Amino acid sequence: MINDNFIAEKEALGIRIQVLRQRIINPDTGKPISQEELGYISNVAKKTIGELERGVTNPKLETLLMISKGLNVSIKDLFTIDDI
């Protein structure tokens, strides 16, 4: 098996995080929250959020748990693509 570093899986995870982030509306602006806002509520750097959404990083489990908590979803929901 050729090791492709799970490129497709990382990209799918990134898309899923982005979709979930964009479903949360900032009450002050009426727009979806930004990567920076997700980083703030998740206690994860904006740069990390961006890298995850682009599928260019290998996230730690702790990071995914913090993001799922910030998005108010289970970690399982980060990997479920049925409703995209």
C-alpha atoms as a PDB file:
ATOM      1  CA  MET A   1       0.000   0.000   0.000  1.00  0.00           C
ATOM      2  CA  ILE A   2       1.329   3.398  -0.940  1.00  0.00           C
ATOM      3  CA  ASN A   3       1.401   5.887   1.935  1.00  0.00           C
ATOM      4  CA  ASP A   4      -0.354   9.010   0.727  1.00  0.00           C
ATOM      5  CA  ASN A   5      -0.410  10.525   4.226  1.00  0.00           C
ATOM      6  CA  PHE A   6      -4.198  10.305   4.195  1.00  0.00           C
ATOM      7  CA  ILE A   7      -4.539  13.317   1.899  1.00  0.00           C
ATOM      8  CA  ALA A   8      -8.172  12.668   0.950  1.00  0.00           C
ATOM      9  CA  GLU A   9      -9.155  12.023   4.550  1.00  0.00           C
ATOM     10  CA  LYS A  10      -7.488  15.221   5.793  1.00  0.00           C
ATOM     11  CA  GLU A  11      -9.217  17.222   3.051  1.00  0.00           C
ATOM     12  CA  ALA A  12     -12.598  15.691   3.921  1.00  0.00           C
ATOM     13  CA  LEU A  13     -12.087  16.500   7.607  1.00  0.00           C
ATOM     14  CA  GLY A  14     -11.178  20.071   6.690  1.00  0.00           C
ATOM     15  CA  ILE A  15     -14.296  20.498   4.590  1.00  0.00           C
ATOM     16  CA  ARG A  16     -16.397  19.089   7.405  1.00  0.00           C
ATOM     17  CA  ILE A  17     -14.926  21.497   9.957  1.00  0.00           C
ATOM     18  CA  GLN A  18     -15.509  24.393   7.575  1.00  0.00           C
ATOM     19  CA  VAL A  19     -19.142  23.382   6.961  1.00  0.00           C
ATOM     20  CA  LEU A  20     -19.824  23.032  10.675  1.00  0.00           C
ATOM     21  CA  ARG A  21     -18.123  26.376  11.379  1.00  0.00           C
ATOM     22  CA  GLN A  22     -20.201  28.143   8.757  1.00  0.00           C
ATOM     23  CA  ARG A  23     -23.415  26.855  10.336  1.00  0.00           C
ATOM     24  CA  ILE A  24     -22.721  28.849  13.484  1.00  0.00           C
ATOM     25  CA  ILE A  25     -23.982  32.391  13.082  1.00  0.00           C
ATOM     26  CA  ASN A  26     -22.373  35.220  15.024  1.00  0.00           C
ATOM     27  CA  PRO A  27     -25.298  37.062  16.638  1.00  0.00           C
ATOM     28  CA  ASP A  28     -23.485  40.392  16.400  1.00  0.00           C
ATOM     29  CA  THR A  29     -22.794  40.241  12.668  1.00  0.00           C
ATOM     30  CA  GLY A  30     -25.457  37.826  11.442  1.00  0.00           C
ATOM     31  CA  LYS A  31     -22.711  36.024   9.503  1.00  0.00           C
ATOM     32  CA  PRO A  32     -21.041  32.642  10.005  1.00  0.00           C
ATOM     33  CA  ILE A  33     -18.224  32.666  12.534  1.00  0.00           C
ATOM     34  CA  SER A  34     -14.718  33.139  11.188  1.00  0.00           C
ATOM     35  CA  GLN A  35     -11.745  30.851  11.632  1.00  0.00           C
ATOM     36  CA  GLU A  36     -10.495  33.327  14.207  1.00  0.00           C
ATOM     37  CA  GLU A  37     -13.753  33.143  16.168  1.00  0.00           C
ATOM     38  CA  LEU A  38     -13.735  29.343  16.087  1.00  0.00           C
ATOM     39  CA  GLY A  39     -10.146  29.418  17.275  1.00  0.00           C
ATOM     40  CA  TYR A  40     -11.120  31.693  20.145  1.00  0.00           C
ATOM     41  CA  ILE A  41     -14.044  29.584  21.354  1.00  0.00           C
ATOM     42  CA  SER A  42     -12.063  26.355  20.855  1.00  0.00           C
ATOM     43  CA  ASN A  43      -8.796  27.653  22.327  1.00  0.00           C
ATOM     44  CA  VAL A  44      -7.035  26.644  19.094  1.00  0.00           C
ATOM     45  CA  ALA A  45      -4.890  29.008  17.013  1.00  0.00           C
ATOM     46  CA  LYS A  46      -6.537  30.539  13.934  1.00  0.00           C
ATOM     47  CA  LYS A  47      -3.568  29.278  11.917  1.00  0.00           C
ATOM     48  CA  THR A  48      -4.339  25.719  13.017  1.00  0.00           C
ATOM     49  CA  ILE A  49      -8.015  26.095  12.081  1.00  0.00           C
ATOM     50  CA  GLY A  50      -6.973  27.307   8.628  1.00  0.00           C
ATOM     51  CA  GLU A  51      -4.495  24.472   8.151  1.00  0.00           C
ATOM     52  CA  LEU A  52      -7.124  21.937   9.192  1.00  0.00           C
ATOM     53  CA  GLU A  53      -9.710  23.390   6.815  1.00  0.00           C
ATOM     54  CA  ARG A  54      -7.184  23.227   3.967  1.00  0.00           C
ATOM     55  CA  GLY A  55      -6.291  19.645   4.890  1.00  0.00           C
ATOM     56  CA  VAL A  56      -2.583  20.343   5.210  1.00  0.00           C
ATOM     57  CA  THR A  57      -1.937  19.263   8.797  1.00  0.00           C
ATOM     58  CA  ASN A  58      -2.176  16.164  10.933  1.00  0.00           C
ATOM     59  CA  PRO A  59      -4.270  17.212  13.929  1.00  0.00           C
ATOM     60  CA  LYS A  60      -3.792  15.833  17.400  1.00  0.00           C
ATOM     61  CA  LEU A  61      -6.768  14.161  19.034  1.00  0.00           C
ATOM     62  CA  GLU A  62      -6.761  16.871  21.700  1.00  0.00           C
ATOM     63  CA  THR A  63      -7.085  19.560  19.009  1.00  0.00           C
ATOM     64  CA  LEU A  64     -10.032  17.783  17.397  1.00  0.00           C
ATOM     65  CA  LEU A  65     -11.704  17.405  20.786  1.00  0.00           C
ATOM     66  CA  MET A  66     -11.277  21.128  21.479  1.00  0.00           C
ATOM     67  CA  ILE A  67     -12.690  22.037  18.053  1.00  0.00           C
ATOM     68  CA  SER A  68     -15.648  19.679  18.409  1.00  0.00           C
ATOM     69  CA  LYS A  69     -16.405  21.246  21.790  1.00  0.00           C
ATOM     70  CA  GLY A  70     -16.149  24.737  20.265  1.00  0.00           C
ATOM     71  CA  LEU A  71     -18.527  23.686  17.486  1.00  0.00           C
ATOM     72  CA  ASN A  72     -20.819  22.065  20.064  1.00  0.00           C
ATOM     73  CA  VAL A  73     -20.738  18.711  18.273  1.00  0.00           C
ATOM     74  CA  SER A  74     -19.368  15.303  19.157  1.00  0.00           C
ATOM     75  CA  ILE A  75     -15.998  14.281  17.791  1.00  0.00           C
ATOM     76  CA  LYS A  76     -17.887  11.670  15.773  1.00  0.00           C
ATOM     77  CA  ASP A  77     -19.717  14.515  14.021  1.00  0.00           C
ATOM     78  CA  LEU A  78     -16.385  15.801  12.707  1.00  0.00           C
ATOM     79  CA  PHE A  79     -16.041  12.586  10.723  1.00  0.00           C
ATOM     80  CA  THR A  80     -19.663  12.167   9.619  1.00  0.00           C
ATOM     81  CA  ILE A  81     -20.294  13.528   6.145  1.00  0.00           C
ATOM     82  CA  ASP A  82     -23.856  12.310   5.583  1.00  0.00           C
ATOM     83  CA  ASP A  83     -25.485  15.719   5.991  1.00  0.00           C
ATOM     84  CA  ILE A  84     -23.088  17.897   3.970  1.00  0.00           C
END
